[in-house]
N, C-alpha and C. Protein backbone atom coordinates (compact mmCIF):
# COMPACT_ATOMS: atom_id res chain seq x y z
N MET A 1 104.60 86.11 74.83
CA MET A 1 105.09 86.60 76.12
C MET A 1 103.91 87.16 76.91
N ARG A 2 103.73 86.67 78.10
CA ARG A 2 102.64 87.10 78.96
C ARG A 2 103.09 88.30 79.80
N GLN A 3 102.19 89.23 80.01
CA GLN A 3 102.47 90.33 80.94
C GLN A 3 101.30 90.46 81.90
N ALA A 4 101.51 91.23 82.93
CA ALA A 4 100.47 91.43 83.93
C ALA A 4 99.22 92.02 83.27
N PRO A 5 98.06 91.44 83.55
CA PRO A 5 96.83 92.03 83.04
C PRO A 5 96.48 93.28 83.86
N GLU A 6 95.80 94.21 83.26
CA GLU A 6 95.35 95.38 84.01
C GLU A 6 94.09 95.03 84.78
N ILE A 7 94.06 95.43 86.06
CA ILE A 7 92.91 95.21 86.92
C ILE A 7 92.54 96.56 87.53
N ARG A 8 91.26 96.89 87.47
CA ARG A 8 90.78 98.14 88.07
C ARG A 8 89.91 97.83 89.27
N THR A 9 90.12 98.61 90.32
CA THR A 9 89.27 98.53 91.50
C THR A 9 88.59 99.89 91.64
N ALA A 10 87.88 100.09 92.73
CA ALA A 10 87.19 101.37 92.93
C ALA A 10 88.16 102.55 92.91
N ARG A 11 89.37 102.36 93.47
CA ARG A 11 90.29 103.49 93.59
C ARG A 11 91.66 103.27 92.94
N LEU A 12 91.91 102.06 92.48
CA LEU A 12 93.26 101.72 92.03
C LEU A 12 93.27 101.08 90.65
N ILE A 13 94.43 101.16 90.02
CA ILE A 13 94.70 100.41 88.81
C ILE A 13 95.93 99.55 89.08
N LEU A 14 95.78 98.25 88.92
CA LEU A 14 96.91 97.33 88.99
C LEU A 14 97.30 97.09 87.54
N ARG A 15 98.54 97.37 87.21
CA ARG A 15 98.98 97.32 85.82
C ARG A 15 100.41 96.80 85.74
N PRO A 16 100.85 96.45 84.52
CA PRO A 16 102.25 96.04 84.38
C PRO A 16 103.19 97.20 84.78
N HIS A 17 104.33 96.84 85.31
CA HIS A 17 105.35 97.85 85.61
C HIS A 17 105.87 98.46 84.31
N ARG A 18 106.27 99.71 84.40
CA ARG A 18 106.84 100.43 83.25
C ARG A 18 108.18 101.03 83.66
N LEU A 19 109.00 101.32 82.68
CA LEU A 19 110.29 101.94 82.98
C LEU A 19 110.13 103.26 83.71
N ASP A 20 109.07 104.01 83.39
CA ASP A 20 108.90 105.30 84.06
C ASP A 20 108.43 105.17 85.52
N ASP A 21 108.25 103.95 86.01
CA ASP A 21 107.98 103.72 87.44
C ASP A 21 109.26 103.77 88.26
N PHE A 22 110.42 103.71 87.60
CA PHE A 22 111.67 103.51 88.31
C PHE A 22 111.95 104.57 89.38
N GLU A 23 111.79 105.83 89.10
CA GLU A 23 112.14 106.86 90.09
C GLU A 23 111.25 106.75 91.33
N ALA A 24 109.95 106.57 91.15
CA ALA A 24 109.05 106.43 92.30
C ALA A 24 109.33 105.13 93.05
N MET A 25 109.62 104.06 92.31
CA MET A 25 109.98 102.79 92.94
C MET A 25 111.26 102.92 93.74
N SER A 26 112.23 103.58 93.15
CA SER A 26 113.52 103.75 93.81
C SER A 26 113.37 104.54 95.10
N ALA A 27 112.56 105.58 95.06
CA ALA A 27 112.31 106.37 96.28
C ALA A 27 111.59 105.52 97.32
N MET A 28 110.63 104.70 96.88
CA MET A 28 109.90 103.86 97.83
C MET A 28 110.83 102.86 98.51
N TRP A 29 111.64 102.15 97.74
CA TRP A 29 112.51 101.12 98.30
C TRP A 29 113.71 101.68 99.04
N ALA A 30 113.92 102.99 98.96
CA ALA A 30 114.98 103.64 99.74
C ALA A 30 114.43 104.26 101.02
N ASP A 31 113.11 104.27 101.18
CA ASP A 31 112.47 104.91 102.33
C ASP A 31 112.57 104.00 103.57
N PRO A 32 113.16 104.50 104.66
CA PRO A 32 113.30 103.68 105.88
C PRO A 32 111.97 103.15 106.42
N GLU A 33 110.90 103.90 106.24
CA GLU A 33 109.59 103.45 106.73
C GLU A 33 109.10 102.23 105.94
N VAL A 34 109.41 102.17 104.66
CA VAL A 34 108.99 101.05 103.82
C VAL A 34 109.80 99.80 104.13
N VAL A 35 111.11 99.94 104.27
CA VAL A 35 111.99 98.77 104.41
C VAL A 35 112.22 98.32 105.85
N ARG A 36 111.68 99.07 106.81
CA ARG A 36 111.90 98.75 108.22
C ARG A 36 111.63 97.28 108.53
N HIS A 37 110.56 96.71 107.97
CA HIS A 37 110.21 95.31 108.23
C HIS A 37 110.46 94.42 107.01
N ILE A 38 111.10 94.96 106.00
CA ILE A 38 111.41 94.20 104.78
C ILE A 38 112.92 94.26 104.59
N GLY A 39 113.62 93.56 105.41
CA GLY A 39 115.07 93.51 105.30
C GLY A 39 115.80 94.55 106.13
N GLY A 40 115.10 95.63 106.50
CA GLY A 40 115.67 96.61 107.41
C GLY A 40 116.67 97.60 106.83
N ARG A 41 116.91 97.54 105.54
CA ARG A 41 117.85 98.50 104.95
C ARG A 41 117.32 98.97 103.61
N ALA A 42 117.66 100.19 103.28
CA ALA A 42 117.24 100.78 102.01
C ALA A 42 117.87 100.03 100.84
N PHE A 43 117.13 99.91 99.76
CA PHE A 43 117.63 99.29 98.55
C PHE A 43 118.45 100.32 97.78
N ALA A 44 119.57 99.91 97.24
CA ALA A 44 120.34 100.75 96.33
C ALA A 44 119.56 100.86 95.02
N ARG A 45 119.85 101.90 94.26
CA ARG A 45 119.15 102.09 92.98
C ARG A 45 119.31 100.87 92.08
N ALA A 46 120.50 100.28 92.07
CA ALA A 46 120.73 99.10 91.23
C ALA A 46 119.85 97.93 91.68
N GLU A 47 119.63 97.78 92.99
CA GLU A 47 118.75 96.71 93.48
C GLU A 47 117.30 96.96 93.06
N THR A 48 116.88 98.21 93.12
CA THR A 48 115.53 98.54 92.68
C THR A 48 115.39 98.31 91.19
N TRP A 49 116.42 98.65 90.42
CA TRP A 49 116.40 98.40 88.98
C TRP A 49 116.22 96.90 88.72
N GLN A 50 116.96 96.07 89.44
CA GLN A 50 116.84 94.61 89.28
C GLN A 50 115.44 94.14 89.65
N ARG A 51 114.89 94.73 90.67
CA ARG A 51 113.52 94.39 91.09
C ARG A 51 112.54 94.77 89.99
N LEU A 52 112.69 95.94 89.41
CA LEU A 52 111.82 96.37 88.31
C LEU A 52 111.93 95.40 87.14
N MET A 53 113.13 94.97 86.82
CA MET A 53 113.35 94.04 85.71
C MET A 53 112.77 92.65 86.02
N ARG A 54 112.74 92.28 87.29
CA ARG A 54 112.22 90.98 87.71
C ARG A 54 110.72 90.85 87.43
N HIS A 55 109.99 91.93 87.57
CA HIS A 55 108.54 91.84 87.46
C HIS A 55 108.07 91.29 86.11
N PRO A 56 108.49 91.87 84.97
CA PRO A 56 108.03 91.28 83.71
C PRO A 56 108.56 89.86 83.49
N GLY A 57 109.72 89.57 84.05
CA GLY A 57 110.27 88.22 83.92
C GLY A 57 109.42 87.18 84.62
N GLN A 58 108.93 87.50 85.81
CA GLN A 58 108.06 86.57 86.53
C GLN A 58 106.78 86.31 85.72
N TRP A 59 106.20 87.39 85.17
CA TRP A 59 104.99 87.22 84.37
C TRP A 59 105.28 86.38 83.13
N SER A 60 106.37 86.67 82.45
CA SER A 60 106.70 85.97 81.22
C SER A 60 106.97 84.49 81.45
N LEU A 61 107.71 84.17 82.49
CA LEU A 61 108.14 82.79 82.72
C LEU A 61 107.19 81.98 83.61
N LEU A 62 106.50 82.63 84.53
CA LEU A 62 105.66 81.91 85.50
C LEU A 62 104.16 82.20 85.35
N SER A 63 103.81 83.14 84.48
CA SER A 63 102.41 83.55 84.29
C SER A 63 101.78 84.08 85.57
N MET A 64 102.61 84.68 86.41
CA MET A 64 102.15 85.37 87.62
C MET A 64 103.25 86.35 88.00
N GLY A 65 102.90 87.29 88.84
CA GLY A 65 103.90 88.25 89.29
C GLY A 65 103.24 89.40 90.03
N ALA A 66 103.98 90.48 90.13
CA ALA A 66 103.48 91.66 90.84
C ALA A 66 103.00 92.71 89.84
N TRP A 67 102.07 93.49 90.30
CA TRP A 67 101.56 94.62 89.54
C TRP A 67 102.10 95.91 90.14
N ALA A 68 102.24 96.92 89.32
CA ALA A 68 102.41 98.29 89.81
C ALA A 68 101.02 98.74 90.25
N VAL A 69 100.94 99.41 91.39
CA VAL A 69 99.66 99.90 91.89
C VAL A 69 99.65 101.41 91.67
N GLU A 70 98.64 101.86 90.97
CA GLU A 70 98.49 103.28 90.62
C GLU A 70 97.16 103.79 91.17
N GLU A 71 97.20 104.98 91.71
CA GLU A 71 95.96 105.60 92.18
C GLU A 71 95.16 106.05 90.96
N ALA A 72 93.93 105.56 90.81
CA ALA A 72 93.14 105.84 89.62
C ALA A 72 92.85 107.34 89.45
N ALA A 73 92.57 108.03 90.54
CA ALA A 73 92.19 109.44 90.45
C ALA A 73 93.34 110.35 90.01
N THR A 74 94.57 109.98 90.39
CA THR A 74 95.70 110.86 90.13
C THR A 74 96.73 110.29 89.15
N GLY A 75 96.70 108.99 88.93
CA GLY A 75 97.72 108.34 88.09
C GLY A 75 99.04 108.17 88.80
N GLU A 76 99.06 108.45 90.10
CA GLU A 76 100.31 108.39 90.86
C GLU A 76 100.66 106.94 91.22
N TYR A 77 101.97 106.63 91.12
CA TYR A 77 102.48 105.31 91.50
C TYR A 77 102.39 105.19 93.02
N CYS A 78 101.65 104.17 93.50
CA CYS A 78 101.46 103.95 94.94
C CYS A 78 102.43 102.92 95.49
N GLY A 79 102.76 101.91 94.68
CA GLY A 79 103.60 100.82 95.14
C GLY A 79 103.41 99.60 94.27
N GLU A 80 103.52 98.43 94.89
CA GLU A 80 103.37 97.19 94.15
C GLU A 80 102.69 96.15 95.01
N ALA A 81 102.04 95.21 94.32
CA ALA A 81 101.33 94.14 95.01
C ALA A 81 101.21 92.97 94.04
N GLY A 82 101.25 91.77 94.58
CA GLY A 82 101.07 90.60 93.73
C GLY A 82 101.77 89.39 94.29
N PHE A 83 102.35 88.60 93.38
CA PHE A 83 102.90 87.30 93.73
C PHE A 83 104.29 87.13 93.15
N LEU A 84 105.04 86.21 93.72
CA LEU A 84 106.36 85.91 93.20
C LEU A 84 106.79 84.53 93.65
N ASP A 85 107.80 84.05 92.97
CA ASP A 85 108.52 82.86 93.40
C ASP A 85 109.95 83.32 93.56
N ALA A 86 110.35 83.60 94.79
CA ALA A 86 111.68 84.13 95.06
C ALA A 86 112.69 83.04 95.42
N MET A 87 112.22 81.79 95.43
CA MET A 87 113.09 80.66 95.80
C MET A 87 113.85 80.97 97.09
N ARG A 88 113.13 81.46 98.06
CA ARG A 88 113.75 81.88 99.32
C ARG A 88 114.30 80.68 100.10
N ASP A 89 115.42 80.92 100.73
CA ASP A 89 116.01 79.92 101.61
C ASP A 89 115.37 80.04 102.99
N ILE A 90 114.14 79.56 103.08
CA ILE A 90 113.40 79.59 104.33
C ILE A 90 113.22 78.16 104.80
N GLU A 91 113.47 77.95 106.06
CA GLU A 91 113.30 76.61 106.64
C GLU A 91 112.25 76.65 107.72
N PRO A 92 111.23 75.82 107.66
CA PRO A 92 110.89 74.99 106.51
C PRO A 92 110.32 75.85 105.38
N GLY A 93 110.51 75.39 104.16
CA GLY A 93 110.12 76.16 102.98
C GLY A 93 108.64 76.03 102.64
N PHE A 94 108.25 76.67 101.56
CA PHE A 94 106.87 76.60 101.07
C PHE A 94 106.84 76.50 99.56
N ALA A 95 107.75 75.72 99.00
CA ALA A 95 107.82 75.53 97.54
C ALA A 95 106.46 75.09 97.01
N GLY A 96 106.11 75.63 95.85
CA GLY A 96 104.85 75.28 95.22
C GLY A 96 103.69 76.18 95.60
N SER A 97 103.91 77.06 96.54
CA SER A 97 102.87 78.02 96.94
C SER A 97 103.34 79.41 96.55
N PRO A 98 102.60 80.11 95.67
CA PRO A 98 103.00 81.47 95.33
C PRO A 98 103.09 82.35 96.58
N GLU A 99 104.11 83.20 96.61
CA GLU A 99 104.29 84.12 97.73
C GLU A 99 103.64 85.46 97.39
N ALA A 100 102.72 85.88 98.22
CA ALA A 100 102.08 87.18 98.06
C ALA A 100 102.93 88.24 98.73
N GLY A 101 102.90 89.44 98.18
CA GLY A 101 103.62 90.54 98.78
C GLY A 101 103.05 91.87 98.36
N TRP A 102 103.23 92.88 99.21
CA TRP A 102 102.74 94.22 98.92
C TRP A 102 103.63 95.22 99.62
N ALA A 103 103.79 96.36 98.99
CA ALA A 103 104.53 97.48 99.58
C ALA A 103 103.99 98.76 98.95
N LEU A 104 103.73 99.74 99.78
CA LEU A 104 103.22 101.02 99.30
C LEU A 104 104.09 102.16 99.80
N ARG A 105 104.13 103.22 99.03
CA ARG A 105 104.83 104.42 99.46
C ARG A 105 104.11 104.97 100.69
N PRO A 106 104.85 105.52 101.65
CA PRO A 106 104.23 106.00 102.90
C PRO A 106 103.06 106.97 102.70
N ALA A 107 103.08 107.77 101.66
CA ALA A 107 101.99 108.71 101.41
C ALA A 107 100.66 107.99 101.21
N PHE A 108 100.71 106.69 100.90
CA PHE A 108 99.50 105.93 100.64
C PHE A 108 99.15 104.95 101.75
N HIS A 109 99.90 104.98 102.84
CA HIS A 109 99.60 104.11 103.98
C HIS A 109 98.32 104.58 104.67
N GLY A 110 97.61 103.64 105.28
CA GLY A 110 96.45 103.98 106.10
C GLY A 110 95.18 104.29 105.33
N ARG A 111 95.16 104.03 104.03
CA ARG A 111 93.98 104.31 103.22
C ARG A 111 93.23 103.05 102.79
N GLY A 112 93.74 101.90 103.18
CA GLY A 112 93.13 100.65 102.75
C GLY A 112 93.57 100.20 101.37
N TYR A 113 94.56 100.87 100.81
CA TYR A 113 95.00 100.54 99.45
C TYR A 113 95.67 99.16 99.38
N ALA A 114 96.44 98.78 100.38
CA ALA A 114 97.09 97.47 100.34
C ALA A 114 96.04 96.36 100.32
N THR A 115 95.02 96.49 101.15
CA THR A 115 93.95 95.49 101.19
C THR A 115 93.19 95.47 99.87
N GLU A 116 92.91 96.64 99.32
CA GLU A 116 92.17 96.74 98.05
C GLU A 116 92.99 96.13 96.91
N ALA A 117 94.27 96.48 96.84
CA ALA A 117 95.12 95.98 95.76
C ALA A 117 95.30 94.46 95.86
N MET A 118 95.64 93.98 97.06
CA MET A 118 95.85 92.54 97.21
C MET A 118 94.54 91.77 97.11
N GLY A 119 93.44 92.36 97.50
CA GLY A 119 92.15 91.70 97.31
C GLY A 119 91.89 91.43 95.83
N ALA A 120 92.17 92.43 95.00
CA ALA A 120 92.01 92.26 93.55
C ALA A 120 93.01 91.23 93.01
N ALA A 121 94.24 91.28 93.50
CA ALA A 121 95.26 90.31 93.07
C ALA A 121 94.85 88.89 93.46
N LEU A 122 94.31 88.72 94.65
CA LEU A 122 93.88 87.40 95.09
C LEU A 122 92.66 86.91 94.31
N ASP A 123 91.75 87.81 93.97
CA ASP A 123 90.63 87.42 93.11
C ASP A 123 91.17 86.89 91.78
N TRP A 124 92.16 87.59 91.23
CA TRP A 124 92.79 87.14 89.98
C TRP A 124 93.44 85.77 90.19
N ALA A 125 94.20 85.61 91.28
CA ALA A 125 94.89 84.34 91.55
C ALA A 125 93.89 83.19 91.70
N ASP A 126 92.79 83.43 92.41
CA ASP A 126 91.79 82.38 92.60
C ASP A 126 91.22 81.91 91.26
N ALA A 127 91.13 82.82 90.31
CA ALA A 127 90.58 82.49 88.99
C ALA A 127 91.62 81.91 88.03
N HIS A 128 92.92 82.22 88.24
CA HIS A 128 93.92 81.88 87.23
C HIS A 128 95.04 80.95 87.67
N LEU A 129 95.28 80.83 88.95
CA LEU A 129 96.34 79.95 89.44
C LEU A 129 95.72 78.67 89.98
N ASN A 130 96.40 77.57 89.79
CA ASN A 130 95.86 76.28 90.23
C ASN A 130 96.36 75.84 91.59
N GLU A 131 97.24 76.60 92.20
CA GLU A 131 97.78 76.22 93.49
C GLU A 131 96.69 76.24 94.57
N ALA A 132 96.83 75.35 95.53
CA ALA A 132 95.83 75.23 96.59
C ALA A 132 95.86 76.40 97.56
N ARG A 133 97.00 77.10 97.61
CA ARG A 133 97.12 78.20 98.57
C ARG A 133 98.18 79.18 98.11
N THR A 134 98.16 80.34 98.73
CA THR A 134 99.25 81.30 98.63
C THR A 134 99.78 81.53 100.04
N VAL A 135 100.99 82.01 100.12
CA VAL A 135 101.60 82.29 101.42
C VAL A 135 102.17 83.70 101.39
N CYS A 136 102.44 84.24 102.55
CA CYS A 136 103.20 85.48 102.65
C CYS A 136 104.06 85.39 103.90
N ILE A 137 105.16 86.11 103.88
CA ILE A 137 106.03 86.15 105.05
C ILE A 137 105.99 87.57 105.59
N ILE A 138 105.84 87.67 106.91
CA ILE A 138 105.71 88.98 107.54
C ILE A 138 106.53 89.00 108.82
N ASP A 139 107.32 90.04 108.99
CA ASP A 139 108.06 90.26 110.22
C ASP A 139 107.07 90.46 111.36
N ALA A 140 107.35 89.87 112.52
CA ALA A 140 106.44 89.93 113.67
C ALA A 140 106.13 91.36 114.10
N GLY A 141 107.03 92.31 113.85
CA GLY A 141 106.80 93.70 114.24
C GLY A 141 105.98 94.50 113.26
N ASN A 142 105.60 93.92 112.14
CA ASN A 142 104.88 94.64 111.10
C ASN A 142 103.37 94.47 111.30
N ALA A 143 102.85 95.18 112.31
CA ALA A 143 101.44 95.06 112.68
C ALA A 143 100.51 95.43 111.53
N GLY A 144 100.87 96.44 110.73
CA GLY A 144 100.03 96.86 109.61
C GLY A 144 99.85 95.75 108.59
N SER A 145 100.94 95.11 108.20
CA SER A 145 100.84 94.03 107.22
C SER A 145 100.15 92.80 107.79
N ILE A 146 100.32 92.55 109.07
CA ILE A 146 99.62 91.43 109.70
C ILE A 146 98.11 91.68 109.66
N ARG A 147 97.69 92.93 109.90
CA ARG A 147 96.25 93.28 109.81
C ARG A 147 95.74 93.09 108.38
N VAL A 148 96.51 93.57 107.40
CA VAL A 148 96.12 93.42 106.00
C VAL A 148 95.98 91.94 105.66
N ALA A 149 96.97 91.13 106.05
CA ALA A 149 96.93 89.70 105.77
C ALA A 149 95.67 89.06 106.35
N GLY A 150 95.33 89.42 107.57
CA GLY A 150 94.12 88.88 108.19
C GLY A 150 92.86 89.25 107.43
N LYS A 151 92.76 90.50 106.98
CA LYS A 151 91.60 90.93 106.20
C LYS A 151 91.47 90.15 104.90
N LEU A 152 92.61 89.71 104.37
CA LEU A 152 92.64 88.99 103.10
C LEU A 152 92.44 87.49 103.25
N GLY A 153 92.32 87.02 104.47
CA GLY A 153 92.08 85.60 104.70
C GLY A 153 93.33 84.80 105.03
N TYR A 154 94.45 85.47 105.25
CA TYR A 154 95.69 84.76 105.63
C TYR A 154 95.65 84.49 107.13
N ALA A 155 96.14 83.33 107.50
CA ALA A 155 96.23 82.94 108.91
C ALA A 155 97.67 82.54 109.21
N PHE A 156 98.11 82.86 110.41
CA PHE A 156 99.45 82.48 110.83
C PHE A 156 99.57 80.96 110.76
N GLU A 157 100.61 80.51 110.08
CA GLU A 157 100.84 79.07 109.95
C GLU A 157 101.97 78.60 110.85
N ARG A 158 103.06 79.36 110.83
CA ARG A 158 104.22 78.94 111.61
C ARG A 158 105.28 80.03 111.59
N GLU A 159 106.22 79.90 112.49
CA GLU A 159 107.41 80.74 112.45
C GLU A 159 108.47 79.97 111.68
N ALA A 160 109.24 80.68 110.87
CA ALA A 160 110.33 80.08 110.11
C ALA A 160 111.55 80.96 110.28
N GLU A 161 112.65 80.53 109.73
CA GLU A 161 113.87 81.32 109.78
C GLU A 161 114.23 81.78 108.38
N PHE A 162 114.50 83.09 108.25
CA PHE A 162 114.90 83.68 106.97
C PHE A 162 116.05 84.62 107.23
N ARG A 163 117.17 84.37 106.57
CA ARG A 163 118.38 85.17 106.74
C ARG A 163 118.79 85.28 108.21
N GLY A 164 118.65 84.16 108.92
CA GLY A 164 119.10 84.10 110.31
C GLY A 164 118.16 84.74 111.32
N ALA A 165 116.99 85.15 110.89
CA ALA A 165 116.03 85.79 111.80
C ALA A 165 114.67 85.12 111.67
N PRO A 166 113.87 85.17 112.74
CA PRO A 166 112.54 84.57 112.66
C PRO A 166 111.61 85.41 111.77
N ILE A 167 110.72 84.72 111.08
CA ILE A 167 109.74 85.38 110.22
C ILE A 167 108.44 84.59 110.32
N GLY A 168 107.32 85.27 110.29
CA GLY A 168 106.03 84.58 110.31
C GLY A 168 105.61 84.17 108.92
N VAL A 169 105.18 82.93 108.78
CA VAL A 169 104.63 82.44 107.51
C VAL A 169 103.12 82.38 107.68
N TYR A 170 102.40 83.03 106.78
CA TYR A 170 100.95 83.09 106.78
C TYR A 170 100.45 82.41 105.52
N ALA A 171 99.34 81.70 105.62
CA ALA A 171 98.81 80.97 104.47
C ALA A 171 97.34 81.31 104.27
N ARG A 172 96.93 81.23 103.02
CA ARG A 172 95.54 81.48 102.63
C ARG A 172 95.14 80.42 101.61
N PRO A 173 94.08 79.66 101.88
CA PRO A 173 93.63 78.70 100.89
C PRO A 173 93.02 79.41 99.68
N ARG A 174 93.10 78.78 98.55
CA ARG A 174 92.49 79.33 97.34
C ARG A 174 91.03 79.66 97.61
N ALA A 175 90.60 80.82 97.14
CA ALA A 175 89.23 81.31 97.34
C ALA A 175 88.89 81.42 98.82
N GLY A 176 89.93 81.69 99.65
CA GLY A 176 89.70 81.72 101.09
C GLY A 176 89.61 83.09 101.69
N ARG A 177 89.33 84.08 100.89
CA ARG A 177 89.27 85.45 101.40
C ARG A 177 88.13 85.63 102.37
N ALA A 178 88.44 86.24 103.51
CA ALA A 178 87.42 86.44 104.55
C ALA A 178 86.47 87.56 104.16
């Protein structure tokens, strides 16, 4: 059974999710500031629990997934970053391209942690995944994530429809970090 490898950066530790992440995760996914551009509604505790359970499953079955992001200096849970295959009903779709995603607790916004965490995740993906590209979907109003995506080498590819609303699809070629 494969699990997320631990990756250390200058300020962060990307590690497998643990059961003791649940309370911090639950608070993060219930925070209106976090979910404003990610579905627009707070996650119920049961939804966050399912999300926590999904992470080791993605690693075990797909050999990729999301990491828990921890601040190295404090050991505090910051959020999550990595990849997934959510089999989203997006038209047109992007099957075969891992979907990148990141979310941080508001206390950690504005520090460059999302760029640092996803930069490390993308370095890992470039070395371990054989796909030609990764993609991410970002709501047009999420200027912060659009900036992060640009720093990571993602470029706007097209607008698509997800759950009846427009969403931007951004793509990054393998080893394409700017």
